[in-house]
C-alpha atoms as a PDB file:
ATOM      1  CA  UNK A   1      -6.582 -19.636  10.419  1.00  0.00           C
ATOM      2  CA  UNK A   2      -5.324 -16.639  12.297  1.00  0.00           C
ATOM      3  CA  UNK A   3      -2.138 -16.509  13.883  1.00  0.00           C
ATOM      4  CA  UNK A   4      -1.137 -12.799  14.050  1.00  0.00           C
ATOM      5  CA  UNK A   5      -1.912  -9.903  16.138  1.00  0.00           C
ATOM      6  CA  UNK A   6      -5.532  -9.252  17.046  1.00  0.00           C
ATOM      7  CA  UNK A   7      -6.660 -12.475  15.201  1.00  0.00           C
ATOM      8  CA  UNK A   8      -5.252 -11.412  11.894  1.00  0.00           C
ATOM      9  CA  UNK A   9      -3.549 -13.993   9.584  1.00  0.00           C
ATOM     10  CA  UNK A  10      -0.066 -12.994   8.973  1.00  0.00           C
ATOM     11  CA  UNK A  11       0.309 -14.887   5.843  1.00  0.00           C
ATOM     12  CA  UNK A  12      -2.633 -13.365   3.927  1.00  0.00           C
ATOM     13  CA  UNK A  13      -0.992  -9.915   5.226  1.00  0.00           C
ATOM     14  CA  UNK A  14       2.459 -10.663   3.734  1.00  0.00           C
ATOM     15  CA  UNK A  15       0.877 -11.817   0.470  1.00  0.00           C
ATOM     16  CA  UNK A  16      -1.469  -8.613   0.182  1.00  0.00           C
ATOM     17  CA  UNK A  17       1.522  -6.523   1.301  1.00  0.00           C
ATOM     18  CA  UNK A  18       3.569  -8.217  -1.694  1.00  0.00           C
ATOM     19  CA  UNK A  19       0.682  -7.671  -3.986  1.00  0.00           C
ATOM     20  CA  UNK A  20       1.035  -3.646  -3.137  1.00  0.00           C
ATOM     21  CA  UNK A  21       4.914  -3.711  -3.334  1.00  0.00           C
ATOM     22  CA  UNK A  22       4.787  -4.843  -6.802  1.00  0.00           C
ATOM     23  CA  UNK A  23       3.123  -1.878  -7.611  1.00  0.00           C
ATOM     24  CA  UNK A  24       3.968   0.573  -5.165  1.00  0.00           C
ATOM     25  CA  UNK A  25       7.814  -0.030  -5.759  1.00  0.00           C
ATOM     26  CA  UNK A  26       7.868   0.745  -9.542  1.00  0.00           C
ATOM     27  CA  UNK A  27       5.779   3.823  -9.083  1.00  0.00           C
ATOM     28  CA  UNK A  28       7.624   5.088  -6.296  1.00  0.00           C
ATOM     29  CA  UNK A  29      10.818   5.118  -7.977  1.00  0.00           C
ATOM     30  CA  UNK A  30       8.943   6.809 -11.066  1.00  0.00           C
ATOM     31  CA  UNK A  31       7.857   9.341  -8.482  1.00  0.00           C
ATOM     32  CA  UNK A  32      11.296   9.887  -7.254  1.00  0.00           C
ATOM     33  CA  UNK A  33      12.871  10.181 -10.949  1.00  0.00           C
ATOM     34  CA  UNK A  34      10.011  12.543 -11.694  1.00  0.00           C
ATOM     35  CA  UNK A  35      10.636  14.713  -8.669  1.00  0.00           C
ATOM     36  CA  UNK A  36      14.431  15.022  -9.486  1.00  0.00           C
ATOM     37  CA  UNK A  37      13.461  16.471 -12.814  1.00  0.00           C
ATOM     38  CA  UNK A  38      10.828  18.714 -11.605  1.00  0.00           C
ATOM     39  CA  UNK A  39       8.098  17.316 -13.410  1.00  0.00           C
ATOM     40  CA  UNK A  40       5.050  18.383 -11.458  1.00  0.00           C
ATOM     41  CA  UNK A  41       2.541  16.576 -13.450  1.00  0.00           C
ATOM     42  CA  UNK A  42       4.655  13.157 -13.551  1.00  0.00           C
ATOM     43  CA  UNK A  43       4.981  13.710  -9.798  1.00  0.00           C
ATOM     44  CA  UNK A  44       1.451  13.741  -9.124  1.00  0.00           C
ATOM     45  CA  UNK A  45       0.682  10.933 -11.479  1.00  0.00           C
ATOM     46  CA  UNK A  46       2.982   8.523 -10.092  1.00  0.00           C
ATOM     47  CA  UNK A  47       1.715   9.757  -6.196  1.00  0.00           C
ATOM     48  CA  UNK A  48      -1.921   8.562  -7.478  1.00  0.00           C
ATOM     49  CA  UNK A  49      -0.732   5.319  -8.794  1.00  0.00           C
ATOM     50  CA  UNK A  50       1.326   4.432  -5.512  1.00  0.00           C
ATOM     51  CA  UNK A  51      -2.060   4.851  -3.602  1.00  0.00           C
ATOM     52  CA  UNK A  52      -3.975   2.827  -6.562  1.00  0.00           C
ATOM     53  CA  UNK A  53      -0.983   0.256  -5.574  1.00  0.00           C
ATOM     54  CA  UNK A  54      -2.041   0.080  -1.962  1.00  0.00           C
ATOM     55  CA  UNK A  55      -5.566  -0.320  -3.021  1.00  0.00           C
ATOM     56  CA  UNK A  56      -4.481  -3.276  -5.261  1.00  0.00           C
ATOM     57  CA  UNK A  57      -2.754  -4.816  -2.157  1.00  0.00           C
ATOM     58  CA  UNK A  58      -6.125  -4.316  -0.091  1.00  0.00           C
ATOM     59  CA  UNK A  59      -8.212  -5.922  -2.692  1.00  0.00           C
ATOM     60  CA  UNK A  60      -5.969  -8.784  -3.135  1.00  0.00           C
ATOM     61  CA  UNK A  61      -5.639  -9.371   0.854  1.00  0.00           C
ATOM     62  CA  UNK A  62      -9.621  -9.071   1.283  1.00  0.00           C
ATOM     63  CA  UNK A  63     -10.265 -11.223  -1.974  1.00  0.00           C
ATOM     64  CA  UNK A  64      -8.234 -14.208  -0.285  1.00  0.00           C
ATOM     65  CA  UNK A  65      -9.651 -14.136   2.948  1.00  0.00           C
ATOM     66  CA  UNK A  66     -13.183 -14.433   4.553  1.00  0.00           C
ATOM     67  CA  UNK A  67     -12.654 -13.251   8.216  1.00  0.00           C
ATOM     68  CA  UNK A  68     -12.044  -9.474   8.863  1.00  0.00           C
ATOM     69  CA  UNK A  69     -11.293  -8.797   5.285  1.00  0.00           C
ATOM     70  CA  UNK A  70     -10.940  -4.991   5.787  1.00  0.00           C
ATOM     71  CA  UNK A  71      -8.688  -5.204   8.939  1.00  0.00           C
ATOM     72  CA  UNK A  72      -6.417  -7.660   6.733  1.00  0.00           C
ATOM     73  CA  UNK A  73      -6.320  -5.249   3.728  1.00  0.00           C
ATOM     74  CA  UNK A  74      -5.656  -2.220   5.934  1.00  0.00           C
ATOM     75  CA  UNK A  75      -2.772  -4.243   7.843  1.00  0.00           C
ATOM     76  CA  UNK A  76      -1.466  -5.644   4.232  1.00  0.00           C
ATOM     77  CA  UNK A  77      -1.266  -1.602   2.935  1.00  0.00           C
ATOM     78  CA  UNK A  78       0.351  -0.147   6.305  1.00  0.00           C
ATOM     79  CA  UNK A  79       2.913  -2.987   5.894  1.00  0.00           C
ATOM     80  CA  UNK A  80       3.671  -2.421   2.267  1.00  0.00           C
ATOM     81  CA  UNK A  81       3.869   1.299   3.259  1.00  0.00           C
ATOM     82  CA  UNK A  82       6.337   0.395   6.203  1.00  0.00           C
ATOM     83  CA  UNK A  83       8.690  -1.348   3.987  1.00  0.00           C
ATOM     84  CA  UNK A  84       8.915   0.741   0.834  1.00  0.00           C
ATOM     85  CA  UNK A  85       8.967   3.897   3.000  1.00  0.00           C
ATOM     86  CA  UNK A  86      12.066   2.436   5.300  1.00  0.00           C
ATOM     87  CA  UNK A  87      14.042   1.700   1.903  1.00  0.00           C
ATOM     88  CA  UNK A  88      13.036   5.321   0.890  1.00  0.00           C
ATOM     89  CA  UNK A  89      14.147   6.988   3.806  1.00  0.00           C
ATOM     90  CA  UNK A  90      17.326   5.366   3.968  1.00  0.00           C
ATOM     91  CA  UNK A  91      18.149   6.418   0.473  1.00  0.00           C
ATOM     92  CA  UNK A  92      16.925  10.187   1.102  1.00  0.00           C
ATOM     93  CA  UNK A  93      19.239  10.373   4.298  1.00  0.00           C
ATOM     94  CA  UNK A  94      21.931   8.837   2.284  1.00  0.00           C
ATOM     95  CA  UNK A  95      21.718  11.382  -0.165  1.00  0.00           C
ATOM     96  CA  UNK A  96      21.569  14.185   2.471  1.00  0.00           C
ATOM     97  CA  UNK A  97      17.886  15.064   1.575  1.00  0.00           C
ATOM     98  CA  UNK A  98      15.271  15.912   3.896  1.00  0.00           C
ATOM     99  CA  UNK A  99      12.839  13.943   5.598  1.00  0.00           C
ATOM    100  CA  UNK A 100       8.899  15.095   6.062  1.00  0.00           C
ATOM    101  CA  UNK A 101       7.580  13.378   9.164  1.00  0.00           C
ATOM    102  CA  UNK A 102       4.200  14.711   8.342  1.00  0.00           C
ATOM    103  CA  UNK A 103       4.465  13.727   4.818  1.00  0.00           C
ATOM    104  CA  UNK A 104       5.203  10.303   6.100  1.00  0.00           C
ATOM    105  CA  UNK A 105       2.295  10.195   8.453  1.00  0.00           C
ATOM    106  CA  UNK A 106      -0.093  11.478   5.963  1.00  0.00           C
ATOM    107  CA  UNK A 107       0.920   9.033   3.104  1.00  0.00           C
ATOM    108  CA  UNK A 108       0.863   6.147   5.851  1.00  0.00           C
ATOM    109  CA  UNK A 109      -2.853   7.385   6.710  1.00  0.00           C
ATOM    110  CA  UNK A 110      -3.379   7.439   2.706  1.00  0.00           C
ATOM    111  CA  UNK A 111      -1.985   3.994   2.067  1.00  0.00           C
ATOM    112  CA  UNK A 112      -4.449   2.427   5.007  1.00  0.00           C
ATOM    113  CA  UNK A 113      -7.350   4.150   3.711  1.00  0.00           C
ATOM    114  CA  UNK A 114      -6.647   2.840  -0.079  1.00  0.00           C
ATOM    115  CA  UNK A 115      -5.858  -0.448   1.417  1.00  0.00           C
ATOM    116  CA  UNK A 116      -9.181  -0.501   3.269  1.00  0.00           C
ATOM    117  CA  UNK A 117     -11.045   0.559   0.001  1.00  0.00           C
ATOM    118  CA  UNK A 118      -9.530  -2.060  -1.896  1.00  0.00           C
ATOM    119  CA  UNK A 119     -10.657  -4.372   0.538  1.00  0.00           C
ATOM    120  CA  UNK A 120     -13.973  -2.998   0.680  1.00  0.00           C
ATOM    121  CA  UNK A 121     -14.135  -3.490  -3.350  1.00  0.00           C
ATOM    122  CA  UNK A 122     -13.248  -7.032  -2.622  1.00  0.00           C
ATOM    123  CA  UNK A 123     -15.472  -7.910  -0.014  1.00  0.00           C
ATOM    124  CA  UNK A 124     -18.711  -6.278  -1.274  1.00  0.00           C
ATOM    125  CA  UNK A 125     -18.213  -8.761  -4.406  1.00  0.00           C
ATOM    126  CA  UNK A 126     -16.517  -6.481  -7.099  1.00  0.00           C
ATOM    127  CA  UNK A 127     -14.323  -9.579  -8.125  1.00  0.00           C
ATOM    128  CA  UNK A 128     -14.783 -12.469 -10.711  1.00  0.00           C
ATOM    129  CA  UNK A 129     -17.319 -15.436  -9.492  1.00  0.00           C
ATOM    130  CA  UNK A 130     -18.236 -13.580  -6.538  1.00  0.00           C
ATOM    131  CA  UNK A 131     -21.558 -14.634  -4.662  1.00  0.00           C
ATOM    132  CA  UNK A 132     -21.556 -12.219  -2.080  1.00  0.00           C
END
């Protein structure tokens, strides 16, 4: 049942954001470590894994709901992004490192897009036992 903004189910969105964060946070930490060691290949790989984590969150969200699965998937991915990004921004500021606003905006758009892609996979039947 919808109890949130624009008819979206907050519980489902929170659960999906949790799915995404379980993947995004460890990969984000690995990305920060790789960046501090100037390991370009590992930075790219961990960034790709972060984006996959947002898709995972979108998939998990859309799998759990019948009404507006793609909107829920995007909302879960963006919520996960906001939570993770807030923590990483605080860490960067505390270390005196610069924060790239265009980079944050681009990554937010990638997170939402990946969430929708994961949601699309779940909504179109790429899941066990689906009859869609």
